[in-house]
């Protein structure tokens, strides 16, 4: 059983985050968890404001960097992601 646990740890792939605590939501200044890249520039959003405007942003965006999952992941691991 212990060997199996070690194998899982070896196969685990760490995700590298692009956004950090210094990136702020353009709507409310909360920590940005989503980066929307459009032809006219980039917009940063917290999870709440991205969810609120997601449909409209689909017309603007050519790329979306969505890191909302790190909130749940960091709470489970109880680690900083900085």
C-alpha atoms as a PDB file:
ATOM      1  CA  UNK A   1       0.000   0.000   0.000  1.00  0.00           C
ATOM      2  CA  UNK A   2       2.819   2.403   0.815  1.00  0.00           C
ATOM      3  CA  UNK A   3       4.443   1.721  -2.571  1.00  0.00           C
ATOM      4  CA  UNK A   4       1.176   2.635  -4.297  1.00  0.00           C
ATOM      5  CA  UNK A   5       1.031   5.983  -2.478  1.00  0.00           C
ATOM      6  CA  UNK A   6       4.589   6.775  -3.540  1.00  0.00           C
ATOM      7  CA  UNK A   7       3.761   5.916  -7.155  1.00  0.00           C
ATOM      8  CA  UNK A   8       0.844   8.340  -7.145  1.00  0.00           C
ATOM      9  CA  UNK A   9       3.106  11.106  -5.834  1.00  0.00           C
ATOM     10  CA  UNK A  10       5.669  10.444  -8.581  1.00  0.00           C
ATOM     11  CA  UNK A  11       3.017  10.636 -11.323  1.00  0.00           C
ATOM     12  CA  UNK A  12       1.454  13.817  -9.959  1.00  0.00           C
ATOM     13  CA  UNK A  13       1.799  16.837 -12.261  1.00  0.00           C
ATOM     14  CA  UNK A  14       1.965  20.238 -10.611  1.00  0.00           C
ATOM     15  CA  UNK A  15      -0.027  22.952 -12.375  1.00  0.00           C
ATOM     16  CA  UNK A  16       1.743  26.242 -12.941  1.00  0.00           C
ATOM     17  CA  UNK A  17      -0.458  29.282 -12.402  1.00  0.00           C
ATOM     18  CA  UNK A  18      -0.118  32.441 -14.476  1.00  0.00           C
ATOM     19  CA  UNK A  19      -2.157  34.740 -12.241  1.00  0.00           C
ATOM     20  CA  UNK A  20      -1.040  35.605  -8.728  1.00  0.00           C
ATOM     21  CA  UNK A  21      -2.116  37.690  -5.751  1.00  0.00           C
ATOM     22  CA  UNK A  22      -0.928  40.925  -7.361  1.00  0.00           C
ATOM     23  CA  UNK A  23      -3.322  40.533 -10.319  1.00  0.00           C
ATOM     24  CA  UNK A  24      -6.589  42.314  -9.519  1.00  0.00           C
ATOM     25  CA  UNK A  25     -10.121  42.206 -10.939  1.00  0.00           C
ATOM     26  CA  UNK A  26     -10.833  45.152 -13.251  1.00  0.00           C
ATOM     27  CA  UNK A  27     -14.355  45.416 -11.805  1.00  0.00           C
ATOM     28  CA  UNK A  28     -13.864  45.247  -8.037  1.00  0.00           C
ATOM     29  CA  UNK A  29     -10.132  44.933  -7.209  1.00  0.00           C
ATOM     30  CA  UNK A  30     -10.484  41.435  -5.739  1.00  0.00           C
ATOM     31  CA  UNK A  31      -7.824  38.903  -6.671  1.00  0.00           C
ATOM     32  CA  UNK A  32      -8.082  38.047 -10.372  1.00  0.00           C
ATOM     33  CA  UNK A  33      -8.704  34.386 -11.119  1.00  0.00           C
ATOM     34  CA  UNK A  34      -9.545  34.752 -14.820  1.00  0.00           C
ATOM     35  CA  UNK A  35      -7.605  36.519 -17.558  1.00  0.00           C
ATOM     36  CA  UNK A  36      -9.548  37.265 -20.745  1.00  0.00           C
ATOM     37  CA  UNK A  37      -7.409  38.097 -23.775  1.00  0.00           C
ATOM     38  CA  UNK A  38      -9.153  39.945 -26.566  1.00  0.00           C
ATOM     39  CA  UNK A  39      -8.178  41.731 -29.758  1.00  0.00           C
ATOM     40  CA  UNK A  40      -8.327  45.107 -27.974  1.00  0.00           C
ATOM     41  CA  UNK A  41      -6.445  44.057 -24.841  1.00  0.00           C
ATOM     42  CA  UNK A  42      -6.681  42.005 -21.665  1.00  0.00           C
ATOM     43  CA  UNK A  43      -9.203  42.019 -18.838  1.00  0.00           C
ATOM     44  CA  UNK A  44      -8.785  40.525 -15.371  1.00  0.00           C
ATOM     45  CA  UNK A  45     -11.766  39.212 -13.404  1.00  0.00           C
ATOM     46  CA  UNK A  46     -12.496  37.661 -10.043  1.00  0.00           C
ATOM     47  CA  UNK A  47     -14.587  34.504 -10.208  1.00  0.00           C
ATOM     48  CA  UNK A  48     -17.821  36.339  -9.446  1.00  0.00           C
ATOM     49  CA  UNK A  49     -17.494  38.989 -12.162  1.00  0.00           C
ATOM     50  CA  UNK A  50     -16.279  36.512 -14.776  1.00  0.00           C
ATOM     51  CA  UNK A  51     -19.301  34.283 -14.143  1.00  0.00           C
ATOM     52  CA  UNK A  52     -21.573  37.326 -14.346  1.00  0.00           C
ATOM     53  CA  UNK A  53     -20.185  38.436 -17.757  1.00  0.00           C
ATOM     54  CA  UNK A  54     -19.037  35.102 -19.213  1.00  0.00           C
ATOM     55  CA  UNK A  55     -21.544  35.049 -22.092  1.00  0.00           C
ATOM     56  CA  UNK A  56     -20.703  38.572 -23.262  1.00  0.00           C
ATOM     57  CA  UNK A  57     -16.966  37.950 -22.922  1.00  0.00           C
ATOM     58  CA  UNK A  58     -17.173  34.945 -25.250  1.00  0.00           C
ATOM     59  CA  UNK A  59     -17.690  37.396 -28.135  1.00  0.00           C
ATOM     60  CA  UNK A  60     -14.632  39.459 -27.104  1.00  0.00           C
ATOM     61  CA  UNK A  61     -12.152  36.767 -26.104  1.00  0.00           C
ATOM     62  CA  UNK A  62      -9.773  34.773 -28.222  1.00  0.00           C
ATOM     63  CA  UNK A  63      -8.210  33.183 -25.115  1.00  0.00           C
ATOM     64  CA  UNK A  64      -9.392  32.712 -21.535  1.00  0.00           C
ATOM     65  CA  UNK A  65      -7.038  31.736 -18.709  1.00  0.00           C
ATOM     66  CA  UNK A  66      -9.357  30.371 -16.025  1.00  0.00           C
ATOM     67  CA  UNK A  67      -7.676  29.640 -12.684  1.00  0.00           C
ATOM     68  CA  UNK A  68     -10.771  29.542 -10.472  1.00  0.00           C
ATOM     69  CA  UNK A  69      -9.967  25.941  -9.579  1.00  0.00           C
ATOM     70  CA  UNK A  70      -6.937  26.999  -7.534  1.00  0.00           C
ATOM     71  CA  UNK A  71      -9.188  28.252  -4.762  1.00  0.00           C
ATOM     72  CA  UNK A  72     -10.544  24.782  -4.086  1.00  0.00           C
ATOM     73  CA  UNK A  73      -7.170  23.136  -4.653  1.00  0.00           C
ATOM     74  CA  UNK A  74      -5.363  25.412  -2.209  1.00  0.00           C
ATOM     75  CA  UNK A  75      -8.016  25.010   0.448  1.00  0.00           C
ATOM     76  CA  UNK A  76      -7.662  21.231   0.211  1.00  0.00           C
ATOM     77  CA  UNK A  77      -3.840  21.326   0.290  1.00  0.00           C
ATOM     78  CA  UNK A  78      -3.745  24.247   2.759  1.00  0.00           C
ATOM     79  CA  UNK A  79      -0.812  25.755   0.857  1.00  0.00           C
ATOM     80  CA  UNK A  80       0.024  29.110  -0.677  1.00  0.00           C
ATOM     81  CA  UNK A  81       0.330  29.193  -4.453  1.00  0.00           C
ATOM     82  CA  UNK A  82       2.602  32.235  -4.642  1.00  0.00           C
END
